[in-house]
Amino acid sequence: METIAQEIRERLEELFRRCPQLHGFAVRPDRPLPWHLACDAGANAGEQALGELAQTLLELIEERPEAAGLLRGRTFARTLH
């Protein structure tokens, strides 16, 4: 499971790099879909971030189905330094 957790971290770090307007998101507890999204800018930026996020999660789950269990019910946030 550590390998899958590492892959999730890497994919989400890349997502946050591609979508600087995305601050964080929560995944539904009942299925691995985005539930809450926090981002800057207008509606178009939010829609773009949501699309990128959904695509990233779907690709990850297609490649590693066991990742779905590690995503459900969790909140992920951009790390600010």
PDB file of N, CA and C in Angstrom:
ATOM      1  N   MET A   1       0.812  -1.205   0.000  1.00  0.00           N
ATOM      2  CA  MET A   1       0.000   0.000   0.000  1.00  0.00           C
ATOM      3  C   MET A   1       0.856   1.271   0.000  1.00  0.00           C
ATOM      4  N   GLU A   2       2.064   1.192   0.539  1.00  0.00           N
ATOM      5  CA  GLU A   2       2.935   2.368   0.566  1.00  0.00           C
ATOM      6  C   GLU A   2       3.276   2.830  -0.849  1.00  0.00           C
ATOM      7  N   THR A   3       3.448   1.894  -1.767  1.00  0.00           N
ATOM      8  CA  THR A   3       3.741   2.250  -3.150  1.00  0.00           C
ATOM      9  C   THR A   3       2.575   3.034  -3.753  1.00  0.00           C
ATOM     10  N   ILE A   4       1.367   2.594  -3.481  1.00  0.00           N
ATOM     11  CA  ILE A   4       0.180   3.283  -4.000  1.00  0.00           C
ATOM     12  C   ILE A   4       0.058   4.665  -3.365  1.00  0.00           C
ATOM     13  N   ALA A   5       0.288   4.749  -2.067  1.00  0.00           N
ATOM     14  CA  ALA A   5       0.222   6.045  -1.382  1.00  0.00           C
ATOM     15  C   ALA A   5       1.249   7.013  -1.965  1.00  0.00           C
ATOM     16  N   GLN A   6       2.432   6.528  -2.259  1.00  0.00           N
ATOM     17  CA  GLN A   6       3.467   7.370  -2.864  1.00  0.00           C
ATOM     18  C   GLN A   6       3.040   7.833  -4.256  1.00  0.00           C
ATOM     19  N   GLU A   7       2.456   6.941  -5.023  1.00  0.00           N
ATOM     20  CA  GLU A   7       1.992   7.309  -6.365  1.00  0.00           C
ATOM     21  C   GLU A   7       0.894   8.368  -6.282  1.00  0.00           C
ATOM     22  N   ILE A   8      -0.013   8.226  -5.326  1.00  0.00           N
ATOM     23  CA  ILE A   8      -1.061   9.230  -5.129  1.00  0.00           C
ATOM     24  C   ILE A   8      -0.422  10.574  -4.808  1.00  0.00           C
ATOM     25  N   ARG A   9       0.534  10.601  -3.885  1.00  0.00           N
ATOM     26  CA  ARG A   9       1.218  11.850  -3.529  1.00  0.00           C
ATOM     27  C   ARG A   9       1.866  12.493  -4.748  1.00  0.00           C
ATOM     28  N   GLU A  10       2.558  11.693  -5.542  1.00  0.00           N
ATOM     29  CA  GLU A  10       3.239  12.228  -6.721  1.00  0.00           C
ATOM     30  C   GLU A  10       2.255  12.799  -7.730  1.00  0.00           C
ATOM     31  N   ARG A  11       1.171  12.076  -7.973  1.00  0.00           N
ATOM     32  CA  ARG A  11       0.178  12.549  -8.952  1.00  0.00           C
ATOM     33  C   ARG A  11      -0.483  13.841  -8.484  1.00  0.00           C
ATOM     34  N   LEU A  12      -0.774  13.914  -7.184  1.00  0.00           N
ATOM     35  CA  LEU A  12      -1.439  15.106  -6.680  1.00  0.00           C
ATOM     36  C   LEU A  12      -0.481  16.299  -6.613  1.00  0.00           C
ATOM     37  N   GLU A  13       0.788  16.057  -6.325  1.00  0.00           N
ATOM     38  CA  GLU A  13       1.769  17.136  -6.382  1.00  0.00           C
ATOM     39  C   GLU A  13       1.839  17.707  -7.796  1.00  0.00           C
ATOM     40  N   GLU A  14       1.833  16.835  -8.790  1.00  0.00           N
ATOM     41  CA  GLU A  14       1.848  17.281 -10.185  1.00  0.00           C
ATOM     42  C   GLU A  14       0.572  18.056 -10.512  1.00  0.00           C
ATOM     43  N   LEU A  15      -0.566  17.590 -10.024  1.00  0.00           N
ATOM     44  CA  LEU A  15      -1.838  18.291 -10.243  1.00  0.00           C
ATOM     45  C   LEU A  15      -1.775  19.701  -9.667  1.00  0.00           C
ATOM     46  N   PHE A  16      -1.274  19.843  -8.450  1.00  0.00           N
ATOM     47  CA  PHE A  16      -1.175  21.159  -7.839  1.00  0.00           C
ATOM     48  C   PHE A  16      -0.200  22.057  -8.604  1.00  0.00           C
ATOM     49  N   ARG A  17       0.844  21.481  -9.199  1.00  0.00           N
ATOM     50  CA  ARG A  17       1.760  22.284 -10.030  1.00  0.00           C
ATOM     51  C   ARG A  17       1.058  22.760 -11.306  1.00  0.00           C
ATOM     52  N   ARG A  18       0.279  21.877 -11.929  1.00  0.00           N
ATOM     53  CA  ARG A  18      -0.422  22.238 -13.167  1.00  0.00           C
ATOM     54  C   ARG A  18      -1.556  23.224 -12.921  1.00  0.00           C
ATOM     55  N   CYS A  19      -2.131  23.195 -11.739  1.00  0.00           N
ATOM     56  CA  CYS A  19      -3.292  24.035 -11.410  1.00  0.00           C
ATOM     57  C   CYS A  19      -2.965  24.936 -10.219  1.00  0.00           C
ATOM     58  N   PRO A  20      -2.233  26.015 -10.452  1.00  0.00           N
ATOM     59  CA  PRO A  20      -1.852  26.877  -9.329  1.00  0.00           C
ATOM     60  C   PRO A  20      -3.037  27.512  -8.611  1.00  0.00           C
ATOM     61  N   GLN A  21      -4.188  27.566  -9.269  1.00  0.00           N
ATOM     62  CA  GLN A  21      -5.374  28.134  -8.645  1.00  0.00           C
ATOM     63  C   GLN A  21      -6.037  27.166  -7.656  1.00  0.00           C
ATOM     64  N   LEU A  22      -5.666  25.898  -7.700  1.00  0.00           N
ATOM     65  CA  LEU A  22      -6.251  24.887  -6.821  1.00  0.00           C
ATOM     66  C   LEU A  22      -5.545  24.899  -5.475  1.00  0.00           C
ATOM     67  N   HIS A  23      -6.299  25.077  -4.404  1.00  0.00           N
ATOM     68  CA  HIS A  23      -5.728  25.094  -3.057  1.00  0.00           C
ATOM     69  C   HIS A  23      -5.932  23.773  -2.346  1.00  0.00           C
ATOM     70  N   GLY A  24      -7.029  23.117  -2.645  1.00  0.00           N
ATOM     71  CA  GLY A  24      -7.299  21.849  -1.993  1.00  0.00           C
ATOM     72  C   GLY A  24      -8.627  21.278  -2.447  1.00  0.00           C
ATOM     73  N   PHE A  25      -8.871  20.050  -2.025  1.00  0.00           N
ATOM     74  CA  PHE A  25     -10.124  19.398  -2.367  1.00  0.00           C
ATOM     75  C   PHE A  25     -10.370  18.245  -1.409  1.00  0.00           C
ATOM     76  N   ALA A  26     -11.609  17.844  -1.328  1.00  0.00           N
ATOM     77  CA  ALA A  26     -11.999  16.688  -0.528  1.00  0.00           C
ATOM     78  C   ALA A  26     -12.611  15.660  -1.470  1.00  0.00           C
ATOM     79  N   VAL A  27     -12.425  14.403  -1.133  1.00  0.00           N
ATOM     80  CA  VAL A  27     -12.967  13.307  -1.929  1.00  0.00           C
ATOM     81  C   VAL A  27     -14.141  12.713  -1.154  1.00  0.00           C
ATOM     82  N   ARG A  28     -15.206  12.445  -1.862  1.00  0.00           N
ATOM     83  CA  ARG A  28     -16.417  11.904  -1.228  1.00  0.00           C
ATOM     84  C   ARG A  28     -16.097  10.626  -0.454  1.00  0.00           C
ATOM     85  N   PRO A  29     -16.731  10.429   0.688  1.00  0.00           N
ATOM     86  CA  PRO A  29     -16.469   9.218   1.457  1.00  0.00           C
ATOM     87  C   PRO A  29     -17.088   7.960   0.844  1.00  0.00           C
ATOM     88  N   ASP A  30     -18.122   8.135   0.017  1.00  0.00           N
ATOM     89  CA  ASP A  30     -18.812   6.974  -0.540  1.00  0.00           C
ATOM     90  C   ASP A  30     -18.299   6.546  -1.909  1.00  0.00           C
ATOM     91  N   ARG A  31     -17.538   7.405  -2.576  1.00  0.00           N
ATOM     92  CA  ARG A  31     -16.936   7.057  -3.867  1.00  0.00           C
ATOM     93  C   ARG A  31     -15.806   8.036  -4.154  1.00  0.00           C
ATOM     94  N   PRO A  32     -14.832   7.627  -4.950  1.00  0.00           N
ATOM     95  CA  PRO A  32     -13.651   8.472  -5.166  1.00  0.00           C
ATOM     96  C   PRO A  32     -13.877   9.584  -6.192  1.00  0.00           C
ATOM     97  N   LEU A  33     -14.788  10.485  -5.867  1.00  0.00           N
ATOM     98  CA  LEU A  33     -15.059  11.635  -6.726  1.00  0.00           C
ATOM     99  C   LEU A  33     -14.833  12.908  -5.929  1.00  0.00           C
ATOM    100  N   PRO A  34     -14.406  13.982  -6.579  1.00  0.00           N
ATOM    101  CA  PRO A  34     -14.229  15.240  -5.857  1.00  0.00           C
ATOM    102  C   PRO A  34     -15.553  15.694  -5.252  1.00  0.00           C
ATOM    103  N   TRP A  35     -15.484  16.208  -4.041  1.00  0.00           N
ATOM    104  CA  TRP A  35     -16.679  16.603  -3.326  1.00  0.00           C
ATOM    105  C   TRP A  35     -16.656  18.093  -3.024  1.00  0.00           C
ATOM    106  N   HIS A  36     -15.517  18.586  -2.595  1.00  0.00           N
ATOM    107  CA  HIS A  36     -15.365  19.997  -2.275  1.00  0.00           C
ATOM    108  C   HIS A  36     -14.068  20.486  -2.904  1.00  0.00           C
ATOM    109  N   LEU A  37     -14.119  21.652  -3.499  1.00  0.00           N
ATOM    110  CA  LEU A  37     -12.970  22.197  -4.215  1.00  0.00           C
ATOM    111  C   LEU A  37     -12.720  23.615  -3.726  1.00  0.00           C
ATOM    112  N   ALA A  38     -11.478  23.939  -3.407  1.00  0.00           N
ATOM    113  CA  ALA A  38     -11.119  25.297  -3.004  1.00  0.00           C
ATOM    114  C   ALA A  38     -10.084  25.824  -3.981  1.00  0.00           C
ATOM    115  N   CYS A  39     -10.425  26.924  -4.663  1.00  0.00           N
ATOM    116  CA  CYS A  39      -9.475  27.495  -5.618  1.00  0.00           C
ATOM    117  C   CYS A  39      -9.704  28.991  -5.757  1.00  0.00           C
ATOM    118  N   ASP A  40      -8.689  29.657  -6.321  1.00  0.00           N
ATOM    119  CA  ASP A  40      -8.739  31.088  -6.590  1.00  0.00           C
ATOM    120  C   ASP A  40      -9.326  31.335  -7.973  1.00  0.00           C
ATOM    121  N   ALA A  41      -9.640  32.584  -8.227  1.00  0.00           N
ATOM    122  CA  ALA A  41     -10.068  33.075  -9.530  1.00  0.00           C
ATOM    123  C   ALA A  41     -11.547  32.815  -9.776  1.00  0.00           C
ATOM    124  N   GLY A  42     -11.954  33.015 -11.016  1.00  0.00           N
ATOM    125  CA  GLY A  42     -13.362  32.937 -11.372  1.00  0.00           C
ATOM    126  C   GLY A  42     -13.844  31.526 -11.646  1.00  0.00           C
ATOM    127  N   ALA A  43     -15.062  31.453 -12.115  1.00  0.00           N
ATOM    128  CA  ALA A  43     -15.708  30.169 -12.366  1.00  0.00           C
ATOM    129  C   ALA A  43     -14.953  29.341 -13.392  1.00  0.00           C
ATOM    130  N   ASN A  44     -14.420  29.981 -14.419  1.00  0.00           N
ATOM    131  CA  ASN A  44     -13.686  29.231 -15.445  1.00  0.00           C
ATOM    132  C   ASN A  44     -12.473  28.527 -14.861  1.00  0.00           C
ATOM    133  N   ALA A  45     -11.755  29.197 -13.969  1.00  0.00           N
ATOM    134  CA  ALA A  45     -10.583  28.586 -13.342  1.00  0.00           C
ATOM    135  C   ALA A  45     -11.006  27.404 -12.480  1.00  0.00           C
ATOM    136  N   GLY A  46     -12.114  27.557 -11.782  1.00  0.00           N
ATOM    137  CA  GLY A  46     -12.622  26.462 -10.954  1.00  0.00           C
ATOM    138  C   GLY A  46     -13.043  25.271 -11.790  1.00  0.00           C
ATOM    139  N   GLU A  47     -13.698  25.536 -12.897  1.00  0.00           N
ATOM    140  CA  GLU A  47     -14.104  24.450 -13.801  1.00  0.00           C
ATOM    141  C   GLU A  47     -12.882  23.750 -14.381  1.00  0.00           C
ATOM    142  N   GLN A  48     -11.863  24.516 -14.745  1.00  0.00           N
ATOM    143  CA  GLN A  48     -10.645  23.932 -15.288  1.00  0.00           C
ATOM    144  C   GLN A  48      -9.972  23.053 -14.228  1.00  0.00           C
ATOM    145  N   ALA A  49      -9.860  23.560 -13.007  1.00  0.00           N
ATOM    146  CA  ALA A  49      -9.240  22.794 -11.931  1.00  0.00           C
ATOM    147  C   ALA A  49     -10.032  21.523 -11.647  1.00  0.00           C
ATOM    148  N   LEU A  50     -11.356  21.623 -11.635  1.00  0.00           N
ATOM    149  CA  LEU A  50     -12.188  20.454 -11.399  1.00  0.00           C
ATOM    150  C   LEU A  50     -11.994  19.418 -12.500  1.00  0.00           C
ATOM    151  N   GLY A  51     -11.911  19.862 -13.744  1.00  0.00           N
ATOM    152  CA  GLY A  51     -11.682  18.944 -14.855  1.00  0.00           C
ATOM    153  C   GLY A  51     -10.342  18.241 -14.738  1.00  0.00           C
ATOM    154  N   GLU A  52      -9.298  18.998 -14.407  1.00  0.00           N
ATOM    155  CA  GLU A  52      -7.963  18.414 -14.223  1.00  0.00           C
ATOM    156  C   GLU A  52      -7.975  17.419 -13.068  1.00  0.00           C
ATOM    157  N   LEU A  53      -8.639  17.799 -11.981  1.00  0.00           N
ATOM    158  CA  LEU A  53      -8.713  16.939 -10.810  1.00  0.00           C
ATOM    159  C   LEU A  53      -9.445  15.635 -11.128  1.00  0.00           C
ATOM    160  N   ALA A  54     -10.606  15.750 -11.750  1.00  0.00           N
ATOM    161  CA  ALA A  54     -11.380  14.550 -12.093  1.00  0.00           C
ATOM    162  C   ALA A  54     -10.583  13.634 -13.017  1.00  0.00           C
ATOM    163  N   GLN A  55      -9.926  14.198 -14.010  1.00  0.00           N
ATOM    164  CA  GLN A  55      -9.124  13.411 -14.943  1.00  0.00           C
ATOM    165  C   GLN A  55      -7.989  12.701 -14.217  1.00  0.00           C
ATOM    166  N   THR A  56      -7.321  13.406 -13.323  1.00  0.00           N
ATOM    167  CA  THR A  56      -6.218  12.815 -12.564  1.00  0.00           C
ATOM    168  C   THR A  56      -6.702  11.648 -11.715  1.00  0.00           C
ATOM    169  N   LEU A  57      -7.819  11.837 -11.002  1.00  0.00           N
ATOM    170  CA  LEU A  57      -8.345  10.769 -10.152  1.00  0.00           C
ATOM    171  C   LEU A  57      -8.801   9.568 -10.978  1.00  0.00           C
ATOM    172  N   LEU A  58      -9.481   9.826 -12.090  1.00  0.00           N
ATOM    173  CA  LEU A  58      -9.947   8.725 -12.940  1.00  0.00           C
ATOM    174  C   LEU A  58      -8.780   7.931 -13.510  1.00  0.00           C
ATOM    175  N   GLU A  59      -7.757   8.609 -13.993  1.00  0.00           N
ATOM    176  CA  GLU A  59      -6.587   7.913 -14.534  1.00  0.00           C
ATOM    177  C   GLU A  59      -5.901   7.079 -13.457  1.00  0.00           C
ATOM    178  N   LEU A  60      -5.762   7.662 -12.284  1.00  0.00           N
ATOM    179  CA  LEU A  60      -5.119   6.951 -11.186  1.00  0.00           C
ATOM    180  C   LEU A  60      -5.885   5.687 -10.817  1.00  0.00           C
ATOM    181  N   ILE A  61      -7.204   5.800 -10.712  1.00  0.00           N
ATOM    182  CA  ILE A  61      -8.034   4.651 -10.327  1.00  0.00           C
ATOM    183  C   ILE A  61      -8.081   3.604 -11.431  1.00  0.00           C
ATOM    184  N   GLU A  62      -8.074   4.032 -12.691  1.00  0.00           N
ATOM    185  CA  GLU A  62      -8.032   3.065 -13.787  1.00  0.00           C
ATOM    186  C   GLU A  62      -6.737   2.269 -13.759  1.00  0.00           C
ATOM    187  N   GLU A  63      -5.623   2.954 -13.491  1.00  0.00           N
ATOM    188  CA  GLU A  63      -4.329   2.284 -13.468  1.00  0.00           C
ATOM    189  C   GLU A  63      -4.106   1.488 -12.189  1.00  0.00           C
ATOM    190  N   ARG A  64      -4.609   2.003 -11.062  1.00  0.00           N
ATOM    191  CA  ARG A  64      -4.414   1.374  -9.754  1.00  0.00           C
ATOM    192  C   ARG A  64      -5.744   1.363  -9.013  1.00  0.00           C
ATOM    193  N   PRO A  65      -6.648   0.411  -9.298  1.00  0.00           N
ATOM    194  CA  PRO A  65      -7.974   0.399  -8.676  1.00  0.00           C
ATOM    195  C   PRO A  65      -7.950   0.445  -7.144  1.00  0.00           C
ATOM    196  N   GLU A  66      -6.913  -0.110  -6.542  1.00  0.00           N
ATOM    197  CA  GLU A  66      -6.835  -0.122  -5.085  1.00  0.00           C
ATOM    198  C   GLU A  66      -6.617   1.283  -4.511  1.00  0.00           C
ATOM    199  N   ALA A  67      -6.249   2.243  -5.351  1.00  0.00           N
ATOM    200  CA  ALA A  67      -6.067   3.624  -4.895  1.00  0.00           C
ATOM    201  C   ALA A  67      -7.391   4.249  -4.466  1.00  0.00           C
ATOM    202  N   ALA A  68      -8.497   3.771  -4.998  1.00  0.00           N
ATOM    203  CA  ALA A  68      -9.807   4.335  -4.660  1.00  0.00           C
ATOM    204  C   ALA A  68     -10.049   4.306  -3.152  1.00  0.00           C
ATOM    205  N   GLY A  69      -9.690   3.221  -2.516  1.00  0.00           N
ATOM    206  CA  GLY A  69      -9.880   3.112  -1.073  1.00  0.00           C
ATOM    207  C   GLY A  69      -9.032   4.090  -0.279  1.00  0.00           C
ATOM    208  N   LEU A  70      -7.866   4.443  -0.812  1.00  0.00           N
ATOM    209  CA  LEU A  70      -6.996   5.403  -0.128  1.00  0.00           C
ATOM    210  C   LEU A  70      -7.419   6.849  -0.357  1.00  0.00           C
ATOM    211  N   LEU A  71      -8.212   7.089  -1.373  1.00  0.00           N
ATOM    212  CA  LEU A  71      -8.666   8.442  -1.689  1.00  0.00           C
ATOM    213  C   LEU A  71      -9.966   8.811  -0.965  1.00  0.00           C
ATOM    214  N   ARG A  72     -10.849   7.849  -0.810  1.00  0.00           N
ATOM    215  CA  ARG A  72     -12.193   8.117  -0.265  1.00  0.00           C
ATOM    216  C   ARG A  72     -12.146   8.768   1.110  1.00  0.00           C
ATOM    217  N   GLY A  73     -12.941   9.829   1.236  1.00  0.00           N
ATOM    218  CA  GLY A  73     -13.109  10.483   2.521  1.00  0.00           C
ATOM    219  C   GLY A  73     -11.932  11.338   2.978  1.00  0.00           C
ATOM    220  N   ARG A  74     -10.966  11.555   2.115  1.00  0.00           N
ATOM    221  CA  ARG A  74      -9.780  12.333   2.504  1.00  0.00           C
ATOM    222  C   ARG A  74      -9.825  13.738   1.929  1.00  0.00           C
ATOM    223  N   THR A  75      -9.093  14.624   2.581  1.00  0.00           N
ATOM    224  CA  THR A  75      -8.926  15.988   2.117  1.00  0.00           C
ATOM    225  C   THR A  75      -7.462  16.174   1.757  1.00  0.00           C
ATOM    226  N   PHE A  76      -7.207  16.807   0.626  1.00  0.00           N
ATOM    227  CA  PHE A  76      -5.855  17.050   0.145  1.00  0.00           C
ATOM    228  C   PHE A  76      -5.688  18.550  -0.024  1.00  0.00           C
ATOM    229  N   ALA A  77      -4.537  19.058   0.381  1.00  0.00           N
ATOM    230  CA  ALA A  77      -4.294  20.501   0.296  1.00  0.00           C
ATOM    231  C   ALA A  77      -2.907  20.765  -0.270  1.00  0.00           C
ATOM    232  N   ARG A  78      -2.818  21.894  -0.952  1.00  0.00           N
ATOM    233  CA  ARG A  78      -1.528  22.369  -1.442  1.00  0.00           C
ATOM    234  C   ARG A  78      -0.688  22.711  -0.221  1.00  0.00           C
ATOM    235  N   THR A  79       0.574  22.386  -0.277  1.00  0.00           N
ATOM    236  CA  THR A  79       1.494  22.732   0.802  1.00  0.00           C
ATOM    237  C   THR A  79       2.132  24.057   0.461  1.00  0.00           C
ATOM    238  N   LEU A  80       1.968  25.021   1.337  1.00  0.00           N
ATOM    239  CA  LEU A  80       2.563  26.336   1.133  1.00  0.00           C
ATOM    240  C   LEU A  80       3.781  26.474   2.032  1.00  0.00           C
ATOM    241  N   HIS A  81       4.828  27.049   1.493  1.00  0.00           N
ATOM    242  CA  HIS A  81       6.053  27.241   2.278  1.00  0.00           C
ATOM    243  C   HIS A  81       6.299  28.706   2.479  1.00  0.00           C
TER     244      HIS A  81
END
